[in-house]
C-alpha atoms as a PDB file:
ATOM      1  CA  MET A   1       5.080 -14.555   4.749  1.00  0.00           C
ATOM      2  CA  ILE A   2       7.890 -13.620   7.113  1.00  0.00           C
ATOM      3  CA  ILE A   3       6.981 -13.778  10.804  1.00  0.00           C
ATOM      4  CA  THR A   4       7.656 -10.050  11.303  1.00  0.00           C
ATOM      5  CA  GLN A   5       5.226  -9.288   8.487  1.00  0.00           C
ATOM      6  CA  GLN A   6       2.591 -11.298  10.325  1.00  0.00           C
ATOM      7  CA  LEU A   7       3.262  -9.290  13.481  1.00  0.00           C
ATOM      8  CA  SER A   8       2.819  -6.035  11.547  1.00  0.00           C
ATOM      9  CA  LEU A   9      -0.384  -7.345   9.993  1.00  0.00           C
ATOM     10  CA  ASN A  10      -1.788  -8.338  13.399  1.00  0.00           C
ATOM     11  CA  ALA A  11      -0.771  -4.987  14.914  1.00  0.00           C
ATOM     12  CA  GLY A  12      -2.589  -3.182  12.114  1.00  0.00           C
ATOM     13  CA  LYS A  13      -5.771  -5.242  12.342  1.00  0.00           C
ATOM     14  CA  GLU A  14      -5.963  -5.976  16.050  1.00  0.00           C
ATOM     15  CA  GLY A  15      -3.552  -3.544  17.685  1.00  0.00           C
ATOM     16  CA  ASN A  16      -5.496  -3.269  20.928  1.00  0.00           C
ATOM     17  CA  ARG A  17      -5.821  -7.016  21.502  1.00  0.00           C
ATOM     18  CA  ALA A  18      -3.451  -8.754  23.870  1.00  0.00           C
ATOM     19  CA  ALA A  19      -0.479 -10.284  22.054  1.00  0.00           C
ATOM     20  CA  LEU A  20       0.860 -11.910  25.212  1.00  0.00           C
ATOM     21  CA  ARG A  21       0.318 -12.140  28.936  1.00  0.00           C
ATOM     22  CA  TYR A  22       3.218 -12.313  31.372  1.00  0.00           C
ATOM     23  CA  LEU A  23       3.089 -12.189  35.165  1.00  0.00           C
ATOM     24  CA  GLY A  24      -0.476 -10.926  35.100  1.00  0.00           C
ATOM     25  CA  LYS A  25       0.220  -8.086  32.673  1.00  0.00           C
ATOM     26  CA  GLU A  26      -0.828  -7.842  29.039  1.00  0.00           C
ATOM     27  CA  MET A  27       1.155  -6.485  26.113  1.00  0.00           C
ATOM     28  CA  ARG A  28      -0.895  -5.454  23.119  1.00  0.00           C
ATOM     29  CA  TYR A  29       0.104  -6.133  19.525  1.00  0.00           C
ATOM     30  CA  ILE A  30       0.834  -2.463  18.856  1.00  0.00           C
ATOM     31  CA  GLU A  31       3.088  -2.273  21.948  1.00  0.00           C
ATOM     32  CA  LEU A  32       4.956  -5.404  20.882  1.00  0.00           C
ATOM     33  CA  LYS A  33       5.403  -4.056  17.351  1.00  0.00           C
ATOM     34  CA  THR A  34       6.762  -0.761  18.742  1.00  0.00           C
ATOM     35  CA  LEU A  35       9.217  -2.610  20.983  1.00  0.00           C
ATOM     36  CA  VAL A  36      10.358  -4.807  18.091  1.00  0.00           C
ATOM     37  CA  SER A  37      10.802  -1.769  15.818  1.00  0.00           C
ATOM     38  CA  ARG A  38      12.930   0.042  18.384  1.00  0.00           C
ATOM     39  CA  LEU A  39      15.099  -3.002  19.003  1.00  0.00           C
ATOM     40  CA  SER A  40      15.489  -3.632  15.258  1.00  0.00           C
ATOM     41  CA  TYR A  41      16.611  -0.044  14.733  1.00  0.00           C
ATOM     42  CA  LEU A  42      19.158  -0.408  17.522  1.00  0.00           C
ATOM     43  CA  LEU A  43      20.525  -3.652  16.119  1.00  0.00           C
ATOM     44  CA  ILE A  44      20.833  -2.355  12.563  1.00  0.00           C
ATOM     45  CA  HIS A  45      22.023   1.219  13.133  1.00  0.00           C
ATOM     46  CA  GLU A  46      24.012   0.999  16.345  1.00  0.00           C
ATOM     47  CA  ILE A  47      25.489  -2.495  16.213  1.00  0.00           C
ATOM     48  CA  GLY A  48      25.614  -2.913  12.445  1.00  0.00           C
ATOM     49  CA  HIS A  49      24.268  -5.234   9.802  1.00  0.00           C
ATOM     50  CA  GLY A  50      25.810  -8.691   9.873  1.00  0.00           C
ATOM     51  CA  ALA A  51      27.229  -8.406  13.388  1.00  0.00           C
ATOM     52  CA  ARG A  52      26.770 -11.433  15.584  1.00  0.00           C
ATOM     53  CA  VAL A  53      24.731 -10.811  18.680  1.00  0.00           C
ATOM     54  CA  GLY A  54      23.929 -13.274  21.421  1.00  0.00           C
ATOM     55  CA  PHE A  55      21.402 -12.981  24.179  1.00  0.00           C
ATOM     56  CA  MET A  56      20.561 -15.155  27.118  1.00  0.00           C
ATOM     57  CA  THR A  57      17.279 -14.637  28.877  1.00  0.00           C
ATOM     58  CA  ARG A  58      14.383 -16.385  30.505  1.00  0.00           C
ATOM     59  CA  ASN A  59      11.011 -16.593  28.833  1.00  0.00           C
ATOM     60  CA  SER A  60       9.677 -13.042  28.913  1.00  0.00           C
ATOM     61  CA  PRO A  61       8.290 -10.348  26.615  1.00  0.00           C
ATOM     62  CA  ALA A  62      11.883  -9.216  25.977  1.00  0.00           C
ATOM     63  CA  THR A  63      12.718 -12.674  24.632  1.00  0.00           C
ATOM     64  CA  LEU A  64       9.836 -12.519  22.185  1.00  0.00           C
ATOM     65  CA  ALA A  65      10.702  -8.985  21.072  1.00  0.00           C
ATOM     66  CA  THR A  66      14.336  -9.958  20.497  1.00  0.00           C
ATOM     67  CA  PHE A  67      13.226 -12.970  18.469  1.00  0.00           C
ATOM     68  CA  PHE A  68      11.075 -10.793  16.203  1.00  0.00           C
ATOM     69  CA  ALA A  69      13.760  -8.107  15.857  1.00  0.00           C
END
């Protein structure tokens, strides 16, 4: 199973449970899946398939979303 498939599965089963906690705030599985979907769309349709993209960030929800996308 691909890791993004596991995220989708968790969002479907337990969408309202906290997927992560960062600086005292929670992000639910369904919110994380939505963020990943939006970022994936941007990467594929605006930047293009096969393009090389780099990102440099600290540990944060954005880092996790970019990893899944």
